[in-house]
N, C-alpha and C. Protein backbone atom coordinates (compact mmCIF):
# COMPACT_ATOMS: atom_id res chain seq x y z
N MET A 1 -88.04 -39.31 -7.57
CA MET A 1 -87.53 -37.94 -7.78
C MET A 1 -86.98 -37.49 -6.65
N THR A 2 -86.02 -36.81 -7.02
CA THR A 2 -85.22 -35.99 -5.55
C THR A 2 -85.32 -34.59 -5.69
N ALA A 3 -85.76 -34.21 -4.82
CA ALA A 3 -85.80 -32.53 -4.49
C ALA A 3 -84.51 -32.16 -4.00
N THR A 4 -84.24 -30.91 -4.59
CA THR A 4 -82.98 -30.20 -4.27
C THR A 4 -83.48 -28.94 -3.38
N VAL A 5 -82.82 -28.84 -2.25
CA VAL A 5 -82.90 -27.80 -1.47
C VAL A 5 -81.90 -27.04 -1.13
N SER A 6 -82.01 -25.30 -1.48
CA SER A 6 -80.99 -24.61 -1.25
C SER A 6 -81.36 -23.89 -0.11
N SER A 7 -80.00 -23.59 0.37
CA SER A 7 -80.03 -22.72 1.77
C SER A 7 -79.91 -21.34 1.32
N ILE A 8 -80.96 -20.64 1.52
CA ILE A 8 -81.32 -18.93 1.57
C ILE A 8 -79.73 -18.30 2.03
N ALA A 9 -79.38 -18.86 3.07
CA ALA A 9 -77.93 -18.21 3.65
C ALA A 9 -76.92 -18.43 2.73
N ALA A 10 -76.65 -20.09 2.35
CA ALA A 10 -75.55 -20.25 1.61
C ALA A 10 -75.77 -18.94 0.38
N ALA A 11 -76.96 -18.94 -0.42
CA ALA A 11 -77.03 -18.41 -1.52
C ALA A 11 -76.57 -16.77 -1.53
N SER A 12 -77.12 -16.22 0.00
CA SER A 12 -76.88 -14.65 0.03
C SER A 12 -75.22 -14.69 0.40
N ALA A 13 -74.44 -15.84 1.05
CA ALA A 13 -73.17 -15.64 0.88
C ALA A 13 -72.35 -15.44 -0.13
N ALA A 14 -72.83 -16.12 -1.05
CA ALA A 14 -72.39 -16.11 -2.32
C ALA A 14 -72.23 -14.73 -3.09
N PHE A 15 -73.49 -13.93 -2.88
CA PHE A 15 -73.43 -12.74 -3.53
C PHE A 15 -72.63 -11.74 -3.20
N VAL A 16 -71.81 -10.90 -4.03
CA VAL A 16 -70.88 -10.15 -3.86
C VAL A 16 -71.29 -8.76 -4.34
N PRO A 17 -71.47 -7.72 -3.52
CA PRO A 17 -72.20 -6.46 -4.27
C PRO A 17 -70.96 -5.85 -4.80
N PRO A 18 -71.64 -5.19 -6.10
CA PRO A 18 -70.65 -4.63 -6.80
C PRO A 18 -70.03 -3.34 -6.13
N PRO A 19 -68.84 -2.78 -6.51
CA PRO A 19 -67.99 -1.70 -5.88
C PRO A 19 -69.10 -0.68 -5.83
N ALA A 20 -68.92 0.20 -4.63
CA ALA A 20 -69.55 1.66 -4.55
C ALA A 20 -69.08 2.44 -5.70
N PRO A 21 -69.88 3.65 -6.02
CA PRO A 21 -69.70 4.52 -7.03
C PRO A 21 -68.62 5.31 -6.54
N VAL A 22 -67.45 5.83 -7.20
CA VAL A 22 -66.58 6.81 -6.80
C VAL A 22 -66.84 8.21 -7.02
N LEU A 23 -66.61 9.10 -6.41
CA LEU A 23 -66.96 10.57 -6.62
C LEU A 23 -66.18 11.13 -7.61
N VAL A 24 -66.33 11.47 -8.87
CA VAL A 24 -65.29 12.21 -9.65
C VAL A 24 -65.09 13.65 -9.50
N SER A 25 -66.43 14.19 -9.24
CA SER A 25 -66.71 15.74 -9.05
C SER A 25 -67.74 16.15 -8.52
N THR A 26 -67.42 17.33 -8.15
CA THR A 26 -68.58 17.98 -7.48
C THR A 26 -68.74 19.50 -7.93
N LEU A 27 -70.09 19.64 -8.56
CA LEU A 27 -70.30 20.87 -9.25
C LEU A 27 -71.28 21.71 -8.61
N PRO A 28 -71.05 22.91 -8.07
CA PRO A 28 -71.74 23.97 -7.37
C PRO A 28 -73.12 24.40 -8.31
N THR A 29 -74.43 24.42 -7.82
CA THR A 29 -75.33 24.94 -8.59
C THR A 29 -75.73 26.72 -7.92
N GLY A 30 -76.37 27.34 -8.71
CA GLY A 30 -76.33 28.56 -8.34
C GLY A 30 -77.44 28.96 -6.84
N ALA A 31 -77.84 28.12 -6.47
CA ALA A 31 -78.37 28.11 -5.46
C ALA A 31 -78.06 27.57 -3.89
N GLY A 32 -76.66 27.26 -4.21
CA GLY A 32 -76.05 26.53 -3.24
C GLY A 32 -75.94 25.36 -2.76
N ALA A 33 -76.52 24.57 -3.78
CA ALA A 33 -76.30 23.03 -3.73
C ALA A 33 -75.41 22.50 -4.32
N ASP A 34 -74.93 21.41 -4.64
CA ASP A 34 -74.19 20.53 -5.57
C ASP A 34 -74.80 19.22 -6.25
N VAL A 35 -74.20 19.26 -7.80
CA VAL A 35 -73.95 18.23 -8.23
C VAL A 35 -73.16 17.33 -8.12
N HIS A 36 -73.24 16.04 -7.53
CA HIS A 36 -72.03 14.98 -7.30
C HIS A 36 -72.13 14.02 -8.70
N VAL A 37 -70.96 13.96 -9.42
CA VAL A 37 -70.52 12.86 -10.28
C VAL A 37 -69.86 11.85 -9.76
N TYR A 38 -70.77 10.65 -10.23
CA TYR A 38 -69.99 9.35 -9.81
C TYR A 38 -69.53 8.47 -10.84
N ARG A 39 -68.44 7.90 -10.67
CA ARG A 39 -68.08 6.66 -11.82
C ARG A 39 -68.73 5.64 -11.36
N ASP A 40 -69.67 4.90 -11.90
CA ASP A 40 -70.24 3.56 -11.36
C ASP A 40 -69.23 2.63 -11.65
N ALA A 41 -69.91 1.18 -10.92
CA ALA A 41 -68.65 0.04 -11.12
C ALA A 41 -68.92 -0.30 -12.56
N ASP A 42 -69.92 0.23 -13.56
CA ASP A 42 -69.71 -0.51 -14.93
C ASP A 42 -69.21 0.69 -15.69
N GLY A 43 -68.37 1.40 -15.38
CA GLY A 43 -67.84 2.77 -15.91
C GLY A 43 -68.17 3.82 -16.57
N PHE A 44 -69.90 3.67 -16.42
CA PHE A 44 -70.48 5.07 -16.59
C PHE A 44 -70.88 5.96 -15.63
N LEU A 45 -71.43 7.12 -15.87
CA LEU A 45 -71.26 8.09 -14.85
C LEU A 45 -72.69 8.13 -14.46
N SER A 46 -72.92 8.82 -13.19
CA SER A 46 -74.24 9.08 -12.82
C SER A 46 -73.84 10.32 -12.09
N SER A 47 -75.27 11.19 -11.63
CA SER A 47 -74.85 12.32 -11.09
C SER A 47 -76.38 12.52 -10.02
N GLU A 48 -76.04 13.12 -9.18
CA GLU A 48 -76.95 13.17 -8.00
C GLU A 48 -76.94 14.81 -7.40
N CYS A 49 -78.09 15.52 -7.67
CA CYS A 49 -78.27 16.95 -6.97
C CYS A 49 -78.62 17.09 -5.46
N THR A 50 -77.96 17.71 -4.84
CA THR A 50 -78.25 17.63 -3.74
C THR A 50 -79.53 18.78 -3.43
N GLY A 51 -79.98 19.67 -4.08
CA GLY A 51 -80.55 20.68 -4.28
C GLY A 51 -82.04 19.96 -4.54
N CYS A 52 -82.15 19.82 -5.71
CA CYS A 52 -83.94 19.12 -6.33
C CYS A 52 -83.69 17.44 -6.13
N GLY A 53 -82.58 16.89 -5.75
CA GLY A 53 -82.84 15.56 -5.59
C GLY A 53 -82.60 14.79 -6.75
N GLU A 54 -82.74 15.46 -7.86
CA GLU A 54 -82.65 14.44 -9.39
C GLU A 54 -81.39 13.51 -9.29
N TYR A 55 -81.77 12.46 -9.81
CA TYR A 55 -80.71 11.41 -9.93
C TYR A 55 -80.64 10.94 -11.28
N ALA A 56 -79.62 10.86 -12.01
CA ALA A 56 -79.40 10.40 -13.43
C ALA A 56 -78.69 9.40 -13.62
N TRP A 57 -78.88 8.58 -14.13
CA TRP A 57 -77.82 7.43 -14.82
C TRP A 57 -78.59 6.96 -16.15
N THR A 58 -77.75 7.50 -17.33
CA THR A 58 -78.18 6.68 -18.36
C THR A 58 -76.74 7.06 -19.01
N LEU A 59 -76.37 6.32 -20.25
CA LEU A 59 -75.46 6.41 -21.27
C LEU A 59 -75.32 7.87 -21.58
N ARG A 60 -75.96 8.70 -21.39
CA ARG A 60 -75.76 10.17 -21.86
C ARG A 60 -75.36 11.08 -20.73
N VAL A 61 -75.17 10.77 -19.75
CA VAL A 61 -74.96 11.34 -18.69
C VAL A 61 -73.19 11.52 -18.79
N THR A 62 -72.97 12.88 -18.94
CA THR A 62 -71.33 13.26 -19.12
C THR A 62 -71.02 14.36 -17.86
N ARG A 63 -70.02 14.61 -17.98
CA ARG A 63 -69.59 15.98 -17.09
C ARG A 63 -70.32 17.00 -17.52
N GLU A 64 -70.28 17.38 -19.09
CA GLU A 64 -71.34 18.39 -19.16
C GLU A 64 -72.78 18.22 -18.78
N PHE A 65 -73.40 16.98 -19.26
CA PHE A 65 -74.66 16.86 -18.91
C PHE A 65 -74.88 17.28 -17.03
N ALA A 66 -73.89 17.02 -16.32
CA ALA A 66 -74.03 17.53 -14.94
C ALA A 66 -73.72 19.04 -14.95
N GLN A 67 -73.07 19.69 -15.81
CA GLN A 67 -72.74 20.82 -15.51
C GLN A 67 -74.10 21.73 -16.03
N GLU A 68 -75.00 20.97 -17.01
CA GLU A 68 -75.91 21.85 -17.44
C GLU A 68 -77.10 21.83 -16.39
N HIS A 69 -77.06 20.79 -15.72
CA HIS A 69 -78.06 20.57 -14.59
C HIS A 69 -77.61 21.76 -13.20
N ALA A 70 -76.63 21.75 -13.23
CA ALA A 70 -76.07 22.26 -11.96
C ALA A 70 -76.22 24.03 -12.55
N ALA A 71 -76.32 24.28 -13.86
CA ALA A 71 -76.27 25.77 -14.12
C ALA A 71 -77.88 25.99 -14.28
N ALA A 72 -78.76 25.12 -14.31
CA ALA A 72 -80.22 25.56 -14.56
C ALA A 72 -80.86 25.10 -13.28
N CYS A 73 -80.33 24.28 -12.28
CA CYS A 73 -80.82 24.09 -11.15
C CYS A 73 -81.10 25.41 -10.02
N ARG A 74 -82.34 25.56 -9.33
CA ARG A 74 -82.39 26.53 -8.71
C ARG A 74 -82.86 26.23 -7.32
N ARG A 75 -82.99 25.25 -6.89
CA ARG A 75 -83.54 24.62 -5.55
C ARG A 75 -82.13 24.37 -4.91
N PRO A 76 -82.50 25.20 -3.45
CA PRO A 76 -81.18 25.20 -2.60
C PRO A 76 -81.24 23.67 -1.65
N ARG A 77 -80.05 23.84 -1.21
CA ARG A 77 -79.75 22.43 -0.52
C ARG A 77 -80.63 22.69 0.65
N PRO A 78 -81.34 21.51 1.34
CA PRO A 78 -82.14 21.52 2.10
C PRO A 78 -81.38 21.67 3.53
N LEU A 79 -82.20 22.56 4.53
CA LEU A 79 -81.47 23.08 5.68
C LEU A 79 -81.67 21.93 6.63
N ALA A 80 -80.44 21.18 7.35
CA ALA A 80 -80.40 20.19 8.14
C ALA A 80 -81.19 20.09 8.87
N ALA A 81 -82.04 19.10 9.59
CA ALA A 81 -83.10 19.00 10.54
C ALA A 81 -82.40 19.08 11.82
């Protein structure tokens, strides 16, 4: 019986991470934070709120979805430390 040994370095060298999400719009919230909308490598949208921290990635995320969150979110952007 012959054992096969794979190098971890060789396996990690072959891994190519997907492209970073691309920012497509920023929507202000009523409390002074922003909802950032991104187009991910898979073509779908995701959103992240700088006020409450909500991150959303589903097939239902659309610009309208992000606009609804921006209109409803009342948590301000955290103060810089």
